[in-house]
Amino acid sequence: MAAGAGGQPLLSGAAASCECNLKTALLWETHHVLIGQVSAVQLSDQPDALLYGQRGYRRAVGIHEAR
């Protein structure tokens, strides 16, 4: 694991990760709902993520491939 900009642990090799500052924590019946403000985002140059949408599986592409 690596540390992000704010010192939070990040999973190595993740297609994308974000760090948030906790703004509100709510208890809704049997669930805890956390509301955060994004403070940093890291995107992989070579994502290897499997996505599902529009009734099919897709491959995530890097920011440079999408252009």
N, C-alpha and C. Protein backbone atom coordinates (compact mmCIF):
# COMPACT_ATOMS: atom_id res chain seq x y z
N MET A 1 0.84 -1.19 0.00
CA MET A 1 0.00 0.00 0.00
C MET A 1 0.88 1.24 0.00
N ALA A 2 0.38 2.25 -0.67
CA ALA A 2 1.08 3.53 -0.73
C ALA A 2 0.26 4.57 0.03
N ALA A 3 0.88 5.68 0.36
CA ALA A 3 0.17 6.77 1.03
C ALA A 3 -0.20 7.83 0.00
N GLY A 4 -1.42 8.36 0.10
CA GLY A 4 -1.88 9.41 -0.80
C GLY A 4 -1.41 10.78 -0.34
N ALA A 5 -1.87 11.80 -1.04
CA ALA A 5 -1.48 13.18 -0.75
C ALA A 5 -1.80 13.59 0.69
N GLY A 6 -2.92 13.08 1.21
CA GLY A 6 -3.32 13.41 2.57
C GLY A 6 -2.85 12.41 3.61
N GLY A 7 -2.03 11.45 3.17
CA GLY A 7 -1.52 10.45 4.10
C GLY A 7 -2.40 9.22 4.26
N GLN A 8 -3.52 9.15 3.54
CA GLN A 8 -4.41 8.00 3.64
C GLN A 8 -3.83 6.83 2.86
N PRO A 9 -4.05 5.59 3.32
CA PRO A 9 -3.54 4.44 2.57
C PRO A 9 -4.31 4.26 1.26
N LEU A 10 -3.56 3.96 0.19
CA LEU A 10 -4.15 3.73 -1.13
C LEU A 10 -3.75 2.34 -1.60
N LEU A 11 -4.64 1.65 -2.30
CA LEU A 11 -4.33 0.34 -2.84
C LEU A 11 -3.42 0.48 -4.05
N SER A 12 -2.29 -0.18 -4.01
CA SER A 12 -1.36 -0.15 -5.14
C SER A 12 -2.00 -0.84 -6.34
N GLY A 13 -1.85 -0.25 -7.53
CA GLY A 13 -2.38 -0.84 -8.75
C GLY A 13 -3.84 -0.54 -9.01
N ALA A 14 -4.49 0.27 -8.19
CA ALA A 14 -5.90 0.61 -8.42
C ALA A 14 -6.02 1.49 -9.66
N ALA A 15 -7.11 1.34 -10.42
CA ALA A 15 -7.34 2.15 -11.61
C ALA A 15 -7.54 3.61 -11.22
N ALA A 16 -8.17 3.86 -10.10
CA ALA A 16 -8.39 5.22 -9.61
C ALA A 16 -8.59 5.18 -8.10
N SER A 17 -8.25 6.26 -7.46
CA SER A 17 -8.50 6.38 -6.02
C SER A 17 -8.73 7.84 -5.68
N CYS A 18 -9.47 8.07 -4.63
CA CYS A 18 -9.70 9.44 -4.18
C CYS A 18 -9.62 9.48 -2.66
N GLU A 19 -9.21 10.63 -2.17
CA GLU A 19 -9.16 10.86 -0.73
C GLU A 19 -10.22 11.91 -0.40
N CYS A 20 -10.88 11.72 0.71
CA CYS A 20 -11.95 12.64 1.12
C CYS A 20 -11.75 13.09 2.56
N ASN A 21 -12.25 14.27 2.84
CA ASN A 21 -12.35 14.77 4.21
C ASN A 21 -13.78 14.54 4.66
N LEU A 22 -13.96 13.91 5.81
CA LEU A 22 -15.29 13.62 6.32
C LEU A 22 -16.00 14.91 6.69
N LYS A 23 -17.20 15.12 6.12
CA LYS A 23 -18.00 16.30 6.42
C LYS A 23 -19.16 15.98 7.36
N THR A 24 -19.81 14.83 7.13
CA THR A 24 -20.96 14.45 7.94
C THR A 24 -21.05 12.93 8.03
N ALA A 25 -21.43 12.42 9.17
CA ALA A 25 -21.70 10.99 9.35
C ALA A 25 -23.12 10.86 9.91
N LEU A 26 -23.96 10.10 9.21
CA LEU A 26 -25.36 9.94 9.60
C LEU A 26 -25.67 8.48 9.86
N LEU A 27 -26.57 8.22 10.77
CA LEU A 27 -27.09 6.88 10.99
C LEU A 27 -28.50 6.86 10.41
N TRP A 28 -28.72 6.01 9.39
CA TRP A 28 -30.03 5.90 8.76
C TRP A 28 -30.50 4.46 8.95
N GLU A 29 -31.42 4.26 9.88
CA GLU A 29 -31.92 2.94 10.25
C GLU A 29 -30.76 2.01 10.59
N THR A 30 -30.40 1.08 9.72
CA THR A 30 -29.33 0.14 10.02
C THR A 30 -28.03 0.46 9.29
N HIS A 31 -27.95 1.63 8.64
CA HIS A 31 -26.79 1.98 7.83
C HIS A 31 -26.13 3.26 8.32
N HIS A 32 -24.84 3.32 8.16
CA HIS A 32 -24.09 4.56 8.40
C HIS A 32 -23.83 5.19 7.04
N VAL A 33 -24.16 6.46 6.87
CA VAL A 33 -23.94 7.18 5.62
C VAL A 33 -22.87 8.23 5.87
N LEU A 34 -21.79 8.17 5.11
CA LEU A 34 -20.68 9.11 5.26
C LEU A 34 -20.68 10.07 4.08
N ILE A 35 -20.63 11.36 4.37
CA ILE A 35 -20.56 12.40 3.34
C ILE A 35 -19.18 13.02 3.42
N GLY A 36 -18.47 13.03 2.30
CA GLY A 36 -17.11 13.56 2.30
C GLY A 36 -16.89 14.55 1.17
N GLN A 37 -15.87 15.35 1.32
CA GLN A 37 -15.45 16.29 0.28
C GLN A 37 -14.14 15.77 -0.29
N VAL A 38 -14.10 15.56 -1.60
CA VAL A 38 -12.90 15.01 -2.25
C VAL A 38 -11.77 16.02 -2.16
N SER A 39 -10.63 15.56 -1.66
CA SER A 39 -9.47 16.45 -1.52
C SER A 39 -8.35 16.09 -2.50
N ALA A 40 -8.33 14.85 -3.01
CA ALA A 40 -7.29 14.44 -3.97
C ALA A 40 -7.80 13.26 -4.78
N VAL A 41 -7.39 13.21 -6.05
CA VAL A 41 -7.74 12.11 -6.95
C VAL A 41 -6.48 11.64 -7.64
N GLN A 42 -6.30 10.32 -7.71
CA GLN A 42 -5.17 9.74 -8.43
C GLN A 42 -5.72 8.79 -9.48
N LEU A 43 -5.26 8.93 -10.73
CA LEU A 43 -5.67 8.06 -11.83
C LEU A 43 -4.46 7.30 -12.34
N SER A 44 -4.64 6.03 -12.59
CA SER A 44 -3.56 5.20 -13.12
C SER A 44 -3.35 5.51 -14.60
N ASP A 45 -2.10 5.46 -15.05
CA ASP A 45 -1.81 5.63 -16.47
C ASP A 45 -2.24 4.41 -17.26
N GLN A 46 -2.29 3.26 -16.61
CA GLN A 46 -2.67 2.02 -17.27
C GLN A 46 -3.72 1.29 -16.44
N PRO A 47 -4.96 1.77 -16.48
CA PRO A 47 -5.99 1.11 -15.68
C PRO A 47 -6.29 -0.29 -16.20
N ASP A 48 -6.58 -1.17 -15.30
CA ASP A 48 -6.94 -2.53 -15.64
C ASP A 48 -8.20 -2.88 -14.86
N ALA A 49 -9.25 -2.14 -15.13
CA ALA A 49 -10.49 -2.32 -14.37
C ALA A 49 -11.56 -2.93 -15.27
N LEU A 50 -12.40 -3.76 -14.68
CA LEU A 50 -13.52 -4.34 -15.39
C LEU A 50 -14.77 -3.58 -14.97
N LEU A 51 -15.46 -3.00 -15.94
CA LEU A 51 -16.65 -2.20 -15.68
C LEU A 51 -17.86 -2.88 -16.31
N TYR A 52 -19.02 -2.66 -15.73
CA TYR A 52 -20.26 -3.18 -16.31
C TYR A 52 -21.20 -2.01 -16.52
N GLY A 53 -21.72 -1.88 -17.73
CA GLY A 53 -22.67 -0.82 -18.04
C GLY A 53 -23.32 -1.07 -19.38
N GLN A 54 -24.52 -0.60 -19.56
CA GLN A 54 -25.27 -0.77 -20.80
C GLN A 54 -25.33 -2.25 -21.21
N ARG A 55 -25.58 -3.09 -20.22
CA ARG A 55 -25.77 -4.54 -20.41
C ARG A 55 -24.54 -5.25 -20.96
N GLY A 56 -23.36 -4.74 -20.64
CA GLY A 56 -22.15 -5.41 -21.10
C GLY A 56 -20.94 -4.99 -20.29
N TYR A 57 -19.88 -5.78 -20.41
CA TYR A 57 -18.63 -5.47 -19.72
C TYR A 57 -17.76 -4.59 -20.60
N ARG A 58 -17.03 -3.68 -19.97
CA ARG A 58 -16.17 -2.74 -20.68
C ARG A 58 -14.82 -2.70 -19.99
N ARG A 59 -13.85 -2.16 -20.70
CA ARG A 59 -12.51 -1.97 -20.15
C ARG A 59 -12.32 -0.48 -19.92
N ALA A 60 -11.77 -0.13 -18.78
CA ALA A 60 -11.45 1.28 -18.50
C ALA A 60 -10.24 1.67 -19.33
N VAL A 61 -10.25 2.88 -19.86
CA VAL A 61 -9.10 3.38 -20.62
C VAL A 61 -8.48 4.54 -19.88
N GLY A 62 -7.19 4.72 -20.08
CA GLY A 62 -6.48 5.83 -19.46
C GLY A 62 -6.88 7.16 -20.09
N ILE A 63 -6.57 8.23 -19.43
CA ILE A 63 -6.94 9.56 -19.89
C ILE A 63 -6.32 9.86 -21.26
N HIS A 64 -5.13 9.34 -21.54
CA HIS A 64 -4.47 9.61 -22.81
C HIS A 64 -5.09 8.80 -23.95
N GLU A 65 -5.62 7.61 -23.65
CA GLU A 65 -6.26 6.79 -24.67
C GLU A 65 -7.62 7.34 -25.08
N ALA A 66 -8.29 8.03 -24.18
CA ALA A 66 -9.64 8.52 -24.42
C ALA A 66 -9.67 9.70 -25.38
N ARG A 67 -8.57 10.35 -25.57
CA ARG A 67 -8.53 11.54 -26.45
C ARG A 67 -8.54 11.20 -27.90
